[in-house]
Amino acid sequence: MRGLVRRAGRPSNKAREEAEGANGAVLRALVDPARRKLLLLLSKTPMPVHALAAHFPVSRPMVSKHLRTLARAGLVEAATVGRERHYRLTEGEAARTALAIAALDERYDEAFRNLRDHLEGEN
């Protein structure tokens, strides 16, 4: 019964999404580094879930959950191809902006890794 009781003052996910609007959904979707990486992978070509999951140390259901979050934010969409669902980036401005943020984040991560490697090499 623990999961059925809502704490007073805490809004539901639906209420929060309605209050934050479309931009809030996009920003919430970009918070997780795995979702940013998914955007980068999908920027190259549409891919099925199992191909995307191969790039992550988590289960396929977890990758599917991240994809659903991205889809709710309007950043990706799915098409059924045979027995698989292939995901691709949407063509909207929000998806282009989210992809730019994800690419910038990856460049910063690489720069910090290079700096760390350089500093560790000096010691």
Protein backbone atom coordinates (compact mmCIF):
# COMPACT_ATOMS: atom_id res chain seq x y z
CA MET A 1 0.00 0.00 0.00
CA ARG A 2 3.00 2.27 0.35
CA GLY A 3 2.98 3.28 -3.32
CA LEU A 4 -0.71 4.18 -3.31
CA VAL A 5 -0.51 6.93 -0.72
CA ARG A 6 0.44 10.40 -1.94
CA ARG A 7 2.24 12.72 0.42
CA ALA A 8 0.47 15.99 1.10
CA GLY A 9 1.83 18.90 -0.88
CA ARG A 10 3.67 16.80 -3.44
CA PRO A 11 2.22 17.18 -6.95
CA SER A 12 1.62 14.21 -9.19
CA ASN A 13 3.73 13.75 -12.31
CA LYS A 14 0.79 14.76 -14.46
CA ALA A 15 0.16 17.93 -12.44
CA ARG A 16 3.85 18.82 -12.58
CA GLU A 17 3.96 18.28 -16.36
CA GLU A 18 0.89 20.48 -16.84
CA ALA A 19 2.38 23.24 -14.69
CA GLU A 20 5.83 23.16 -16.34
CA GLY A 21 4.57 22.92 -19.92
CA ALA A 22 6.46 21.63 -22.94
CA ASN A 23 9.74 23.36 -22.08
CA GLY A 24 9.76 21.78 -18.64
CA ALA A 25 9.38 18.33 -20.18
CA VAL A 26 12.33 18.97 -22.51
CA LEU A 27 14.55 20.23 -19.70
CA ARG A 28 13.54 17.33 -17.45
CA ALA A 29 14.38 14.91 -20.28
CA LEU A 30 17.86 16.42 -20.71
CA VAL A 31 18.78 16.11 -17.04
CA ASP A 32 19.92 12.50 -17.39
CA PRO A 33 23.24 11.90 -19.20
CA ALA A 34 21.94 8.62 -20.65
CA ARG A 35 19.13 10.47 -22.40
CA ARG A 36 21.58 13.00 -23.82
CA LYS A 37 23.67 10.11 -25.14
CA LEU A 38 20.56 8.54 -26.68
CA LEU A 39 19.91 11.79 -28.55
CA LEU A 40 23.46 11.75 -29.91
CA LEU A 41 23.12 8.14 -31.06
CA LEU A 42 19.77 8.81 -32.72
CA SER A 43 21.13 11.88 -34.50
CA LYS A 44 23.11 9.53 -36.76
CA THR A 45 20.35 7.11 -37.75
CA PRO A 46 17.09 5.63 -36.43
CA MET A 47 17.76 2.63 -34.23
CA PRO A 48 15.84 -0.16 -32.47
CA VAL A 49 15.94 -0.40 -28.69
CA HIS A 50 18.27 -3.43 -28.62
CA ALA A 51 20.88 -1.56 -30.73
CA LEU A 52 20.65 1.47 -28.46
CA ALA A 53 20.87 -0.69 -25.32
CA ALA A 54 24.19 -2.11 -26.55
CA HIS A 55 25.75 1.31 -25.85
CA PHE A 56 24.73 1.35 -22.18
CA PRO A 57 25.55 -0.68 -19.06
CA VAL A 58 21.84 -0.89 -18.17
CA SER A 59 19.00 -3.19 -19.17
CA ARG A 60 16.90 -2.82 -22.29
CA PRO A 61 13.80 -1.94 -20.23
CA MET A 62 15.72 0.95 -18.65
CA VAL A 63 16.73 2.23 -22.10
CA SER A 64 13.08 1.93 -23.14
CA LYS A 65 12.07 3.99 -20.11
CA HIS A 66 14.54 6.73 -21.11
CA LEU A 67 13.17 6.65 -24.66
CA ARG A 68 9.61 7.04 -23.36
CA THR A 69 10.72 10.11 -21.40
CA LEU A 70 12.29 11.57 -24.54
CA ALA A 71 9.15 10.75 -26.52
CA ARG A 72 6.88 12.45 -23.94
CA ALA A 73 9.07 15.55 -24.28
CA GLY A 74 8.60 15.44 -28.05
CA LEU A 75 12.28 14.82 -28.79
CA VAL A 76 12.04 11.33 -30.31
CA GLU A 77 9.36 9.27 -31.99
CA ALA A 78 8.97 5.57 -32.64
CA ALA A 79 7.88 3.61 -35.69
CA THR A 80 7.14 -0.09 -35.74
CA VAL A 81 9.30 -1.96 -38.24
CA GLY A 82 8.41 -5.64 -38.23
CA ARG A 83 8.57 -6.72 -34.60
CA GLU A 84 10.82 -3.86 -33.49
CA ARG A 85 10.28 -0.25 -32.58
CA HIS A 86 12.78 2.04 -34.27
CA TYR A 87 13.34 5.41 -32.64
CA ARG A 88 14.45 8.59 -34.35
CA LEU A 89 14.75 12.25 -33.50
CA THR A 90 11.78 14.43 -34.26
CA GLU A 91 12.25 17.28 -36.67
CA GLY A 92 11.16 20.08 -34.35
CA GLU A 93 13.12 22.98 -32.99
CA ALA A 94 13.10 21.49 -29.50
CA ALA A 95 14.85 18.33 -30.75
CA ARG A 96 17.50 20.37 -32.58
CA THR A 97 18.13 22.46 -29.48
CA ALA A 98 18.27 19.37 -27.24
CA LEU A 99 20.73 17.72 -29.64
CA ALA A 100 22.94 20.83 -29.56
CA ILE A 101 22.92 20.75 -25.75
CA ALA A 102 23.78 17.04 -25.74
CA ALA A 103 26.67 17.60 -28.18
CA LEU A 104 28.00 20.48 -26.10
CA ASP A 105 27.78 18.35 -22.97
CA GLU A 106 29.77 15.58 -24.66
CA ARG A 107 32.50 18.03 -25.73
CA TYR A 108 32.79 19.33 -22.16
CA ASP A 109 33.03 15.78 -20.82
CA GLU A 110 35.81 15.02 -23.30
CA ALA A 111 37.68 18.22 -22.39
CA PHE A 112 37.47 17.39 -18.67
CA ARG A 113 38.68 13.81 -19.32
CA ASN A 114 41.63 15.18 -21.28
CA LEU A 115 42.44 17.65 -18.50
CA ARG A 116 42.22 14.91 -15.86
CA ASP A 117 44.49 12.62 -17.90
CA HIS A 118 46.97 15.44 -18.38
CA LEU A 119 47.04 16.34 -14.70
CA GLU A 120 47.37 12.70 -13.64
CA GLY A 121 50.24 12.31 -16.09
CA GLU A 122 52.16 15.14 -14.41
CA ASN A 123 52.11 13.40 -11.02
